[in-house]
Amino acid sequence: MKIEELAEITRKRLGARARRIAPASPLIKAAVLLPIVDRGEPMILFTKRTDRVGHHKGQISFPGGVVDPTDASLLDAALRECEEEIALPRAAVEPLGALDDTETVATSFVITPFVGLVREPVAWQPDGEEIERVIEVPFAALVEDGSFRIEMVIRDGIERPVYYFDYQGDTIWGATARILVHYLELVKMPGPERTRP
C-alpha cells in the first residue's frame, strides 16, 4: 500500500469512529505516537527502551510517555515526548487521529495512542537515557498473514491473549502490540475508499 493511500484510510477510519476513552481512574495518563514514516513505502516506527528506564526496560514501544501537567493536550504530550526521546520535530508530524485508550495490565498506565504521518526525512537521535535505538518496520511486513503469534496468558485469574510480532531479532508485544493490532485491523477492514481503481 502506498503511503498516501494509507494516510487517507487512516484519517477517514479514525475520524469516522467514536474512540474508546478510558473511564476516570488512578491510572497514570500517558500518550504515544504511532508514526508512519515515508521511506518510499510506509514504515511504522518503534523505539527500543534502555535498561535504565523506570518502566518497561528493554522493551519495544511507540515513542511517547507520561502526560505532564504543562502539556496542552494528550497529543501535545505525545509530540513533546517524541522530540525529547528521538528528536522528531513536532512540525514534521501530520496528526491523523487517535486510537482507543489502552490500559496496561502489569503497570498502572492508561495510554492514548495517536497516529501521525512523517513525510520529511528525520535523523533519529535516541536520547540514550530512555531510548536505546529506533526501529522502522515495513507496514507490508506487519500486515502479512501470520505475522503475529498469540499466546494466552492468565493474570489475576483472567485469561488474556498476548500478541507477539518478531522482526530482525526484536519482539513487539504487550500494550504496544495491542495498539498496533488495533490499528492494523482498522486499516485492513474493507471499505469504500479501498475499492477505487
N, C-alpha and C. Protein backbone atom coordinates (compact mmCIF):
# COMPACT_ATOMS: atom_id res chain seq x y z
N MET A 1 0.85 -1.19 0.00
CA MET A 1 0.00 0.00 0.00
C MET A 1 0.89 1.25 0.00
N LYS A 2 0.54 2.21 -0.82
CA LYS A 2 1.29 3.46 -0.88
C LYS A 2 0.99 4.31 0.36
N ILE A 3 1.94 5.16 0.72
CA ILE A 3 1.81 5.93 1.95
C ILE A 3 0.61 6.89 1.92
N GLU A 4 0.35 7.51 0.77
CA GLU A 4 -0.79 8.44 0.70
C GLU A 4 -2.12 7.71 0.89
N GLU A 5 -2.20 6.51 0.32
CA GLU A 5 -3.44 5.72 0.49
C GLU A 5 -3.61 5.33 1.96
N LEU A 6 -2.51 4.89 2.58
CA LEU A 6 -2.57 4.51 3.99
C LEU A 6 -2.96 5.70 4.86
N ALA A 7 -2.38 6.87 4.58
CA ALA A 7 -2.69 8.07 5.36
C ALA A 7 -4.17 8.45 5.20
N GLU A 8 -4.69 8.36 3.97
CA GLU A 8 -6.09 8.72 3.71
C GLU A 8 -7.03 7.77 4.43
N ILE A 9 -6.75 6.46 4.33
CA ILE A 9 -7.59 5.46 5.00
C ILE A 9 -7.54 5.67 6.51
N THR A 10 -6.34 5.90 7.05
CA THR A 10 -6.19 6.10 8.49
C THR A 10 -7.00 7.30 8.95
N ARG A 11 -6.86 8.42 8.25
CA ARG A 11 -7.57 9.64 8.63
C ARG A 11 -9.09 9.42 8.60
N LYS A 12 -9.58 8.79 7.52
CA LYS A 12 -11.02 8.56 7.38
C LYS A 12 -11.55 7.60 8.45
N ARG A 13 -10.84 6.50 8.65
CA ARG A 13 -11.33 5.48 9.59
C ARG A 13 -11.31 6.01 11.03
N LEU A 14 -10.24 6.73 11.39
CA LEU A 14 -10.17 7.26 12.76
C LEU A 14 -11.20 8.37 12.97
N GLY A 15 -11.45 9.16 11.91
CA GLY A 15 -12.41 10.26 12.02
C GLY A 15 -13.85 9.79 12.04
N ALA A 16 -14.11 8.57 11.54
CA ALA A 16 -15.49 8.09 11.40
C ALA A 16 -15.96 7.26 12.59
N ARG A 17 -15.10 7.05 13.57
CA ARG A 17 -15.48 6.18 14.69
C ARG A 17 -15.36 6.92 16.02
N ALA A 18 -16.17 6.47 16.96
CA ALA A 18 -16.05 7.01 18.32
C ALA A 18 -14.99 6.18 19.03
N ARG A 19 -13.91 6.80 19.42
CA ARG A 19 -12.85 6.03 20.07
C ARG A 19 -13.19 5.78 21.54
N ARG A 20 -12.65 4.69 22.06
CA ARG A 20 -12.87 4.35 23.46
C ARG A 20 -12.01 5.25 24.34
N ILE A 21 -12.66 5.94 25.27
CA ILE A 21 -11.94 6.77 26.24
C ILE A 21 -12.04 6.05 27.58
N ALA A 22 -10.91 5.79 28.20
CA ALA A 22 -10.90 5.05 29.46
C ALA A 22 -11.63 5.85 30.55
N PRO A 23 -12.41 5.16 31.39
CA PRO A 23 -13.08 5.87 32.49
C PRO A 23 -12.05 6.46 33.45
N ALA A 24 -12.44 7.51 34.16
CA ALA A 24 -11.55 8.15 35.14
C ALA A 24 -11.08 7.10 36.14
N SER A 25 -9.79 7.12 36.44
CA SER A 25 -9.22 6.12 37.35
C SER A 25 -7.89 6.67 37.87
N PRO A 26 -7.32 5.97 38.85
CA PRO A 26 -5.99 6.41 39.34
C PRO A 26 -4.83 6.04 38.42
N LEU A 27 -5.12 5.42 37.28
CA LEU A 27 -4.05 5.05 36.35
C LEU A 27 -3.31 6.30 35.86
N ILE A 28 -2.01 6.15 35.60
CA ILE A 28 -1.18 7.25 35.14
C ILE A 28 -1.46 7.48 33.66
N LYS A 29 -1.74 8.73 33.28
CA LYS A 29 -2.03 9.04 31.88
C LYS A 29 -0.74 9.14 31.08
N ALA A 30 -0.74 8.46 29.93
CA ALA A 30 0.40 8.51 29.02
C ALA A 30 -0.15 8.67 27.60
N ALA A 31 0.68 9.21 26.72
CA ALA A 31 0.30 9.38 25.31
C ALA A 31 1.48 8.98 24.45
N VAL A 32 1.17 8.25 23.36
CA VAL A 32 2.23 7.80 22.46
C VAL A 32 1.85 8.16 21.02
N LEU A 33 2.85 8.12 20.16
CA LEU A 33 2.63 8.34 18.73
C LEU A 33 2.96 7.06 17.99
N LEU A 34 2.04 6.65 17.10
CA LEU A 34 2.32 5.57 16.17
C LEU A 34 2.70 6.27 14.86
N PRO A 35 4.01 6.45 14.63
CA PRO A 35 4.44 7.20 13.45
C PRO A 35 4.49 6.33 12.20
N ILE A 36 3.88 6.84 11.12
CA ILE A 36 4.00 6.22 9.80
C ILE A 36 5.05 7.05 9.06
N VAL A 37 6.18 6.44 8.74
CA VAL A 37 7.30 7.15 8.14
C VAL A 37 7.38 6.82 6.65
N ASP A 38 7.56 7.85 5.84
CA ASP A 38 7.65 7.69 4.39
C ASP A 38 9.09 7.36 3.99
N ARG A 39 9.31 6.12 3.58
CA ARG A 39 10.63 5.70 3.07
C ARG A 39 10.46 5.17 1.64
N GLY A 40 9.54 5.79 0.89
CA GLY A 40 9.19 5.24 -0.42
C GLY A 40 8.11 4.19 -0.27
N GLU A 41 8.03 3.61 0.89
CA GLU A 41 6.95 2.72 1.31
C GLU A 41 6.66 3.08 2.78
N PRO A 42 5.46 2.79 3.27
CA PRO A 42 5.17 3.14 4.66
C PRO A 42 5.93 2.24 5.64
N MET A 43 6.58 2.88 6.59
CA MET A 43 7.26 2.17 7.68
C MET A 43 6.61 2.61 8.99
N ILE A 44 6.47 1.69 9.93
CA ILE A 44 5.96 2.03 11.26
C ILE A 44 7.16 2.10 12.20
N LEU A 45 7.24 3.20 12.94
CA LEU A 45 8.40 3.45 13.80
C LEU A 45 8.14 2.99 15.23
N PHE A 46 9.13 2.33 15.80
CA PHE A 46 9.11 1.91 17.20
C PHE A 46 10.42 2.36 17.85
N THR A 47 10.44 2.34 19.17
CA THR A 47 11.67 2.64 19.90
C THR A 47 12.00 1.47 20.82
N LYS A 48 13.28 1.22 21.01
CA LYS A 48 13.71 0.23 22.00
C LYS A 48 14.16 0.97 23.23
N ARG A 49 13.52 0.67 24.35
CA ARG A 49 13.82 1.36 25.59
C ARG A 49 15.11 0.82 26.20
N THR A 50 15.81 1.69 26.92
CA THR A 50 17.07 1.27 27.55
C THR A 50 16.77 0.42 28.79
N ASP A 51 17.82 -0.12 29.37
CA ASP A 51 17.67 -0.88 30.61
C ASP A 51 17.69 0.04 31.83
N ARG A 52 17.80 1.36 31.59
CA ARG A 52 17.87 2.30 32.71
C ARG A 52 16.53 2.95 33.05
N VAL A 53 15.53 2.78 32.18
CA VAL A 53 14.25 3.45 32.42
C VAL A 53 13.50 2.79 33.57
N GLY A 54 12.58 3.54 34.16
CA GLY A 54 11.83 3.04 35.32
C GLY A 54 10.85 1.94 34.98
N HIS A 55 10.22 2.02 33.79
CA HIS A 55 9.21 1.04 33.40
C HIS A 55 9.55 0.47 32.03
N HIS A 56 9.15 -0.79 31.82
CA HIS A 56 9.26 -1.44 30.51
C HIS A 56 10.70 -1.44 29.97
N LYS A 57 11.64 -1.77 30.84
CA LYS A 57 13.06 -1.81 30.48
C LYS A 57 13.30 -2.73 29.28
N GLY A 58 14.05 -2.21 28.29
CA GLY A 58 14.46 -3.02 27.16
C GLY A 58 13.35 -3.40 26.19
N GLN A 59 12.13 -2.92 26.44
CA GLN A 59 11.01 -3.30 25.59
C GLN A 59 10.90 -2.42 24.35
N ILE A 60 10.20 -2.93 23.36
CA ILE A 60 9.90 -2.16 22.15
C ILE A 60 8.59 -1.41 22.40
N SER A 61 8.58 -0.13 22.11
CA SER A 61 7.39 0.68 22.37
C SER A 61 7.23 1.71 21.26
N PHE A 62 6.12 2.43 21.30
CA PHE A 62 5.98 3.61 20.46
C PHE A 62 6.59 4.78 21.22
N PRO A 63 7.13 5.79 20.53
CA PRO A 63 7.64 6.95 21.25
C PRO A 63 6.50 7.65 21.98
N GLY A 64 6.79 8.13 23.17
CA GLY A 64 5.77 8.80 23.97
C GLY A 64 6.06 8.59 25.45
N GLY A 65 5.15 9.04 26.27
CA GLY A 65 5.37 8.87 27.70
C GLY A 65 4.28 9.53 28.53
N VAL A 66 4.63 9.77 29.79
CA VAL A 66 3.67 10.28 30.77
C VAL A 66 3.26 11.71 30.43
N VAL A 67 1.97 11.98 30.58
CA VAL A 67 1.44 13.32 30.34
C VAL A 67 1.88 14.23 31.47
N ASP A 68 2.42 15.39 31.09
CA ASP A 68 2.91 16.39 32.05
C ASP A 68 1.80 17.42 32.27
N PRO A 69 1.68 17.96 33.51
CA PRO A 69 0.64 18.97 33.75
C PRO A 69 0.76 20.19 32.81
N THR A 70 1.95 20.44 32.27
CA THR A 70 2.13 21.60 31.39
C THR A 70 1.74 21.31 29.93
N ASP A 71 1.47 20.04 29.61
CA ASP A 71 1.06 19.69 28.24
C ASP A 71 -0.33 20.24 27.96
N ALA A 72 -0.49 20.88 26.81
CA ALA A 72 -1.78 21.48 26.45
C ALA A 72 -2.83 20.43 26.14
N SER A 73 -2.41 19.25 25.70
CA SER A 73 -3.33 18.18 25.34
C SER A 73 -2.58 16.85 25.37
N LEU A 74 -3.33 15.77 25.20
CA LEU A 74 -2.69 14.46 25.13
C LEU A 74 -1.80 14.36 23.89
N LEU A 75 -2.27 14.91 22.77
CA LEU A 75 -1.44 14.93 21.55
C LEU A 75 -0.16 15.72 21.78
N ASP A 76 -0.29 16.83 22.46
CA ASP A 76 0.87 17.66 22.79
C ASP A 76 1.89 16.86 23.60
N ALA A 77 1.40 16.05 24.53
CA ALA A 77 2.28 15.23 25.36
C ALA A 77 3.03 14.22 24.50
N ALA A 78 2.32 13.57 23.58
CA ALA A 78 2.95 12.58 22.71
C ALA A 78 4.02 13.23 21.83
N LEU A 79 3.71 14.40 21.27
CA LEU A 79 4.67 15.08 20.39
C LEU A 79 5.88 15.59 21.17
N ARG A 80 5.65 16.11 22.38
CA ARG A 80 6.77 16.57 23.22
C ARG A 80 7.71 15.40 23.53
N GLU A 81 7.13 14.28 23.91
CA GLU A 81 7.94 13.11 24.23
C GLU A 81 8.73 12.61 23.01
N CYS A 82 8.12 12.68 21.84
CA CYS A 82 8.83 12.26 20.61
C CYS A 82 10.04 13.15 20.35
N GLU A 83 9.87 14.45 20.59
CA GLU A 83 11.01 15.37 20.43
C GLU A 83 12.11 15.03 21.41
N GLU A 84 11.72 14.81 22.66
CA GLU A 84 12.71 14.55 23.71
C GLU A 84 13.41 13.21 23.51
N GLU A 85 12.65 12.19 23.11
CA GLU A 85 13.19 10.84 23.06
C GLU A 85 14.02 10.56 21.80
N ILE A 86 13.53 11.03 20.63
CA ILE A 86 14.20 10.65 19.38
C ILE A 86 14.44 11.82 18.43
N ALA A 87 14.21 13.05 18.90
CA ALA A 87 14.43 14.27 18.10
C ALA A 87 13.52 14.33 16.88
N LEU A 88 12.27 13.87 17.04
CA LEU A 88 11.28 14.01 15.98
C LEU A 88 10.59 15.36 16.15
N PRO A 89 10.84 16.34 15.25
CA PRO A 89 10.25 17.67 15.42
C PRO A 89 8.73 17.61 15.30
N ARG A 90 8.05 18.35 16.18
CA ARG A 90 6.57 18.39 16.14
C ARG A 90 6.07 18.77 14.75
N ALA A 91 6.76 19.74 14.14
CA ALA A 91 6.32 20.25 12.83
C ALA A 91 6.41 19.19 11.74
N ALA A 92 7.17 18.13 11.97
CA ALA A 92 7.32 17.07 10.96
C ALA A 92 6.21 16.04 11.03
N VAL A 93 5.33 16.14 12.05
CA VAL A 93 4.27 15.15 12.25
C VAL A 93 2.93 15.71 11.79
N GLU A 94 2.27 14.99 10.90
CA GLU A 94 0.91 15.34 10.49
C GLU A 94 -0.05 14.40 11.23
N PRO A 95 -0.73 14.89 12.28
CA PRO A 95 -1.62 14.00 13.06
C PRO A 95 -2.78 13.52 12.20
N LEU A 96 -3.07 12.21 12.29
CA LEU A 96 -4.15 11.61 11.50
C LEU A 96 -5.34 11.21 12.37
N GLY A 97 -5.17 11.19 13.69
CA GLY A 97 -6.27 10.82 14.57
C GLY A 97 -5.77 10.00 15.75
N ALA A 98 -6.73 9.62 16.62
CA ALA A 98 -6.39 8.88 17.84
C ALA A 98 -7.07 7.52 17.85
N LEU A 99 -6.38 6.54 18.39
CA LEU A 99 -6.91 5.20 18.60
C LEU A 99 -7.54 5.10 19.98
N ASP A 100 -8.10 3.94 20.31
CA ASP A 100 -8.72 3.73 21.62
C ASP A 100 -7.68 3.81 22.73
N ASP A 101 -8.10 4.32 23.89
CA ASP A 101 -7.27 4.26 25.08
C ASP A 101 -6.98 2.80 25.40
N THR A 102 -5.76 2.54 25.86
CA THR A 102 -5.33 1.18 26.19
C THR A 102 -4.72 1.18 27.59
N GLU A 103 -5.24 0.32 28.45
CA GLU A 103 -4.66 0.20 29.80
C GLU A 103 -3.57 -0.87 29.78
N THR A 104 -2.54 -0.66 30.58
CA THR A 104 -1.52 -1.70 30.72
C THR A 104 -1.93 -2.62 31.85
N VAL A 105 -1.59 -3.88 31.71
CA VAL A 105 -2.01 -4.88 32.70
C VAL A 105 -1.00 -4.96 33.85
N ALA A 106 0.28 -5.02 33.51
CA ALA A 106 1.30 -5.21 34.55
C ALA A 106 1.67 -3.91 35.25
N THR A 107 1.56 -2.78 34.55
CA THR A 107 1.87 -1.48 35.15
C THR A 107 0.61 -0.62 35.09
N SER A 108 0.60 0.47 35.83
CA SER A 108 -0.64 1.25 36.02
C SER A 108 -0.74 2.45 35.09
N PHE A 109 -0.81 2.20 33.79
CA PHE A 109 -0.91 3.28 32.83
C PHE A 109 -2.19 3.16 32.00
N VAL A 110 -2.71 4.30 31.58
CA VAL A 110 -3.71 4.32 30.51
C VAL A 110 -3.10 5.14 29.38
N ILE A 111 -2.96 4.51 28.22
CA ILE A 111 -2.22 5.09 27.10
C ILE A 111 -3.20 5.57 26.03
N THR A 112 -3.03 6.82 25.60
CA THR A 112 -3.79 7.33 24.46
C THR A 112 -2.85 7.35 23.25
N PRO A 113 -3.12 6.50 22.25
CA PRO A 113 -2.24 6.45 21.07
C PRO A 113 -2.76 7.34 19.94
N PHE A 114 -1.86 8.11 19.37
CA PHE A 114 -2.16 8.93 18.20
C PHE A 114 -1.40 8.36 17.01
N VAL A 115 -1.98 8.49 15.82
CA VAL A 115 -1.30 8.07 14.60
C VAL A 115 -0.87 9.34 13.86
N GLY A 116 0.38 9.38 13.42
CA GLY A 116 0.87 10.56 12.72
C GLY A 116 1.72 10.18 11.53
N LEU A 117 1.65 11.00 10.50
CA LEU A 117 2.42 10.78 9.27
C LEU A 117 3.67 11.65 9.30
N VAL A 118 4.82 11.03 9.00
CA VAL A 118 6.10 11.75 8.93
C VAL A 118 6.60 11.63 7.49
N ARG A 119 6.47 12.73 6.73
CA ARG A 119 6.85 12.71 5.32
C ARG A 119 8.32 13.06 5.12
N GLU A 120 8.81 14.01 5.94
CA GLU A 120 10.18 14.51 5.75
C GLU A 120 11.19 13.54 6.35
N PRO A 121 12.37 13.42 5.74
CA PRO A 121 13.41 12.60 6.36
C PRO A 121 13.85 13.22 7.69
N VAL A 122 13.95 12.40 8.70
CA VAL A 122 14.38 12.86 10.02
C VAL A 122 15.58 12.03 10.44
N ALA A 123 16.60 12.69 10.99
CA ALA A 123 17.76 11.97 11.53
C ALA A 123 17.43 11.62 12.98
N TRP A 124 17.07 10.36 13.23
CA TRP A 124 16.69 9.95 14.58
C TRP A 124 17.87 10.09 15.53
N GLN A 125 17.60 10.66 16.68
CA GLN A 125 18.64 10.81 17.71
C GLN A 125 18.09 10.29 19.03
N PRO A 126 18.18 8.96 19.26
CA PRO A 126 17.73 8.41 20.53
C PRO A 126 18.46 9.10 21.69
N ASP A 127 17.73 9.45 22.72
CA ASP A 127 18.33 10.23 23.81
C ASP A 127 19.34 9.44 24.64
N GLY A 128 19.34 8.11 24.53
CA GLY A 128 20.33 7.31 25.26
C GLY A 128 19.95 7.03 26.69
N GLU A 129 19.11 7.87 27.27
CA GLU A 129 18.66 7.66 28.65
C GLU A 129 17.43 6.75 28.66
N GLU A 130 16.39 7.17 27.93
CA GLU A 130 15.16 6.38 27.84
C GLU A 130 15.17 5.46 26.63
N ILE A 131 15.72 5.96 25.53
CA ILE A 131 15.64 5.24 24.26
C ILE A 131 17.03 4.83 23.77
N GLU A 132 17.18 3.54 23.50
CA GLU A 132 18.45 2.99 23.03
C GLU A 132 18.57 3.14 21.50
N ARG A 133 17.48 2.82 20.77
CA ARG A 133 17.53 2.93 19.32
C ARG A 133 16.12 2.99 18.74
N VAL A 134 16.09 3.38 17.46
CA VAL A 134 14.84 3.48 16.71
C VAL A 134 14.76 2.29 15.76
N ILE A 135 13.56 1.73 15.62
CA ILE A 135 13.33 0.58 14.74
C ILE A 135 12.22 0.96 13.76
N GLU A 136 12.47 0.77 12.48
CA GLU A 136 11.43 1.00 11.47
C GLU A 136 11.06 -0.34 10.86
N VAL A 137 9.77 -0.65 10.89
CA VAL A 137 9.27 -1.92 10.38
C VAL A 137 8.37 -1.64 9.17
N PRO A 138 8.60 -2.31 8.04
CA PRO A 138 7.72 -2.08 6.89
C PRO A 138 6.27 -2.43 7.22
N PHE A 139 5.37 -1.54 6.86
CA PHE A 139 3.93 -1.79 7.05
C PHE A 139 3.54 -3.12 6.40
N ALA A 140 4.11 -3.39 5.23
CA ALA A 140 3.79 -4.62 4.49
C ALA A 140 4.11 -5.87 5.32
N ALA A 141 5.19 -5.83 6.11
CA ALA A 141 5.57 -6.98 6.94
C ALA A 141 4.56 -7.18 8.08
N LEU A 142 4.02 -6.07 8.58
CA LEU A 142 3.09 -6.15 9.70
C LEU A 142 1.73 -6.71 9.28
N VAL A 143 1.33 -6.48 8.03
CA VAL A 143 0.00 -6.93 7.59
C VAL A 143 0.03 -8.28 6.87
N GLU A 144 1.20 -8.88 6.78
CA GLU A 144 1.27 -10.22 6.17
C GLU A 144 0.48 -11.21 7.01
N ASP A 145 -0.17 -12.18 6.35
CA ASP A 145 -0.87 -13.24 7.08
C ASP A 145 0.12 -13.98 7.96
N GLY A 146 -0.28 -14.23 9.20
CA GLY A 146 0.57 -14.97 10.12
C GLY A 146 1.72 -14.18 10.71
N SER A 147 1.70 -12.86 10.54
CA SER A 147 2.83 -12.06 11.04
C SER A 147 2.86 -12.01 12.57
N PHE A 148 1.69 -12.15 13.21
CA PHE A 148 1.63 -12.14 14.67
C PHE A 148 1.38 -13.54 15.20
N ARG A 149 1.92 -13.82 16.37
CA ARG A 149 1.53 -15.03 17.08
C ARG A 149 0.80 -14.59 18.35
N ILE A 150 -0.11 -15.44 18.81
CA ILE A 150 -0.91 -15.11 20.00
C ILE A 150 -0.68 -16.19 21.04
N GLU A 151 -0.39 -15.78 22.27
CA GLU A 151 -0.28 -16.72 23.39
C GLU A 151 -1.30 -16.30 24.43
N MET A 152 -1.99 -17.27 25.01
CA MET A 152 -2.95 -16.98 26.06
C MET A 152 -2.21 -16.97 27.40
N VAL A 153 -2.41 -15.92 28.17
CA VAL A 153 -1.74 -15.75 29.46
C VAL A 153 -2.79 -15.53 30.54
N ILE A 154 -2.61 -16.19 31.68
CA ILE A 154 -3.55 -15.99 32.80
C ILE A 154 -2.89 -15.05 33.81
N ARG A 155 -3.59 -13.95 34.11
CA ARG A 155 -3.10 -12.99 35.11
C ARG A 155 -4.29 -12.59 35.96
N ASP A 156 -4.12 -12.67 37.28
CA ASP A 156 -5.21 -12.37 38.22
C ASP A 156 -6.45 -13.19 37.90
N GLY A 157 -6.25 -14.44 37.51
CA GLY A 157 -7.36 -15.34 37.24
C GLY A 157 -8.08 -15.10 35.93
N ILE A 158 -7.59 -14.16 35.12
CA ILE A 158 -8.25 -13.83 33.85
C ILE A 158 -7.32 -14.23 32.71
N GLU A 159 -7.88 -14.98 31.74
CA GLU A 159 -7.10 -15.38 30.57
C GLU A 159 -7.19 -14.29 29.52
N ARG A 160 -6.02 -13.85 29.04
CA ARG A 160 -5.98 -12.79 28.02
C ARG A 160 -5.06 -13.20 26.88
N PRO A 161 -5.40 -12.76 25.66
CA PRO A 161 -4.48 -13.02 24.56
C PRO A 161 -3.33 -12.00 24.59
N VAL A 162 -2.12 -12.47 24.35
CA VAL A 162 -0.96 -11.59 24.25
C VAL A 162 -0.40 -11.76 22.84
N TYR A 163 -0.26 -10.63 22.13
CA TYR A 163 0.23 -10.64 20.75
C TYR A 163 1.74 -10.45 20.73
N TYR A 164 2.39 -11.15 19.80
CA TYR A 164 3.83 -11.02 19.60
C TYR A 164 4.12 -10.88 18.11
N PHE A 165 5.02 -9.95 17.79
CA PHE A 165 5.49 -9.78 16.42
C PHE A 165 7.01 -9.73 16.46
N ASP A 166 7.65 -10.63 15.72
CA ASP A 166 9.12 -10.70 15.70
C ASP A 166 9.64 -10.05 14.44
N TYR A 167 10.68 -9.21 14.60
CA TYR A 167 11.27 -8.54 13.44
C TYR A 167 12.76 -8.35 13.66
N GLN A 168 13.56 -9.02 12.86
CA GLN A 168 15.01 -8.87 12.88
C GLN A 168 15.59 -8.92 14.30
N GLY A 169 15.16 -9.92 15.06
CA GLY A 169 15.71 -10.13 16.40
C GLY A 169 15.01 -9.38 17.51
N ASP A 170 14.06 -8.51 17.18
CA ASP A 170 13.30 -7.78 18.19
C ASP A 170 11.88 -8.34 18.26
N THR A 171 11.29 -8.26 19.45
CA THR A 171 9.91 -8.73 19.64
C THR A 171 9.05 -7.59 20.16
N ILE A 172 7.98 -7.32 19.44
CA ILE A 172 6.99 -6.32 19.85
C ILE A 172 5.86 -7.08 20.53
N TRP A 173 5.52 -6.70 21.75
CA TRP A 173 4.46 -7.40 22.47
C TRP A 173 3.82 -6.45 23.48
N GLY A 174 2.94 -6.98 24.31
CA GLY A 174 2.32 -6.16 25.37
C GLY A 174 1.38 -5.11 24.81
N ALA A 175 1.31 -3.97 25.53
CA ALA A 175 0.39 -2.90 25.13
C ALA A 175 0.73 -2.36 23.74
N THR A 176 2.02 -2.31 23.41
CA THR A 176 2.42 -1.81 22.08
C THR A 176 1.84 -2.70 20.99
N ALA A 177 1.93 -4.01 21.17
CA ALA A 177 1.38 -4.94 20.17
C ALA A 177 -0.14 -4.83 20.11
N ARG A 178 -0.80 -4.63 21.26
CA ARG A 178 -2.27 -4.50 21.25
C ARG A 178 -2.69 -3.25 20.48
N ILE A 179 -1.99 -2.14 20.71
CA ILE A 179 -2.27 -0.89 19.98
C ILE A 179 -2.04 -1.09 18.48
N LEU A 180 -0.93 -1.74 18.15
CA LEU A 180 -0.58 -1.99 16.76
C LEU A 180 -1.63 -2.86 16.07
N VAL A 181 -2.05 -3.95 16.73
CA VAL A 181 -3.06 -4.85 16.16
C VAL A 181 -4.37 -4.10 15.93
N HIS A 182 -4.76 -3.28 16.89
CA HIS A 182 -5.99 -2.48 16.76
C HIS A 182 -5.89 -1.58 15.53
N TYR A 183 -4.75 -0.91 15.36
CA TYR A 183 -4.57 -0.04 14.20
C TYR A 183 -4.62 -0.83 12.89
N LEU A 184 -3.91 -1.95 12.83
CA LEU A 184 -3.86 -2.75 11.61
C LEU A 184 -5.23 -3.29 11.25
N GLU A 185 -5.99 -3.73 12.25
CA GLU A 185 -7.35 -4.22 11.99
C GLU A 185 -8.22 -3.11 11.41
N LEU A 186 -8.04 -1.91 11.94
CA LEU A 186 -8.83 -0.77 11.48
C LEU A 186 -8.54 -0.45 10.01
N VAL A 187 -7.28 -0.42 9.63
CA VAL A 187 -6.94 -0.03 8.25
C VAL A 187 -7.10 -1.18 7.26
N LYS A 188 -7.11 -2.41 7.74
CA LYS A 188 -7.26 -3.55 6.83
C LYS A 188 -8.72 -3.87 6.52
N MET A 189 -9.67 -3.33 7.30
CA MET A 189 -11.08 -3.59 7.04
C MET A 189 -11.43 -3.17 5.62
N PRO A 190 -12.27 -3.93 4.93
CA PRO A 190 -12.70 -3.45 3.61
C PRO A 190 -13.54 -2.19 3.78
N GLY A 191 -13.35 -1.25 2.89
CA GLY A 191 -14.12 0.00 2.97
C GLY A 191 -14.28 0.59 1.59
N PRO A 192 -15.20 1.53 1.42
CA PRO A 192 -15.44 2.09 0.09
C PRO A 192 -14.21 2.76 -0.51
N GLU A 193 -13.36 3.34 0.36
CA GLU A 193 -12.19 4.05 -0.19
C GLU A 193 -11.16 3.09 -0.76
N ARG A 194 -11.27 1.77 -0.44
CA ARG A 194 -10.32 0.80 -0.97
C ARG A 194 -10.75 0.26 -2.34
N THR A 195 -11.98 0.54 -2.77
CA THR A 195 -12.50 -0.08 -3.99
C THR A 195 -12.23 0.76 -5.23
N ARG A 196 -11.73 1.98 -5.04
CA ARG A 196 -11.47 2.83 -6.22
C ARG A 196 -10.28 2.28 -6.98
N PRO A 197 -10.26 2.43 -8.31
CA PRO A 197 -9.10 1.95 -9.10
C PRO A 197 -7.88 2.81 -8.82
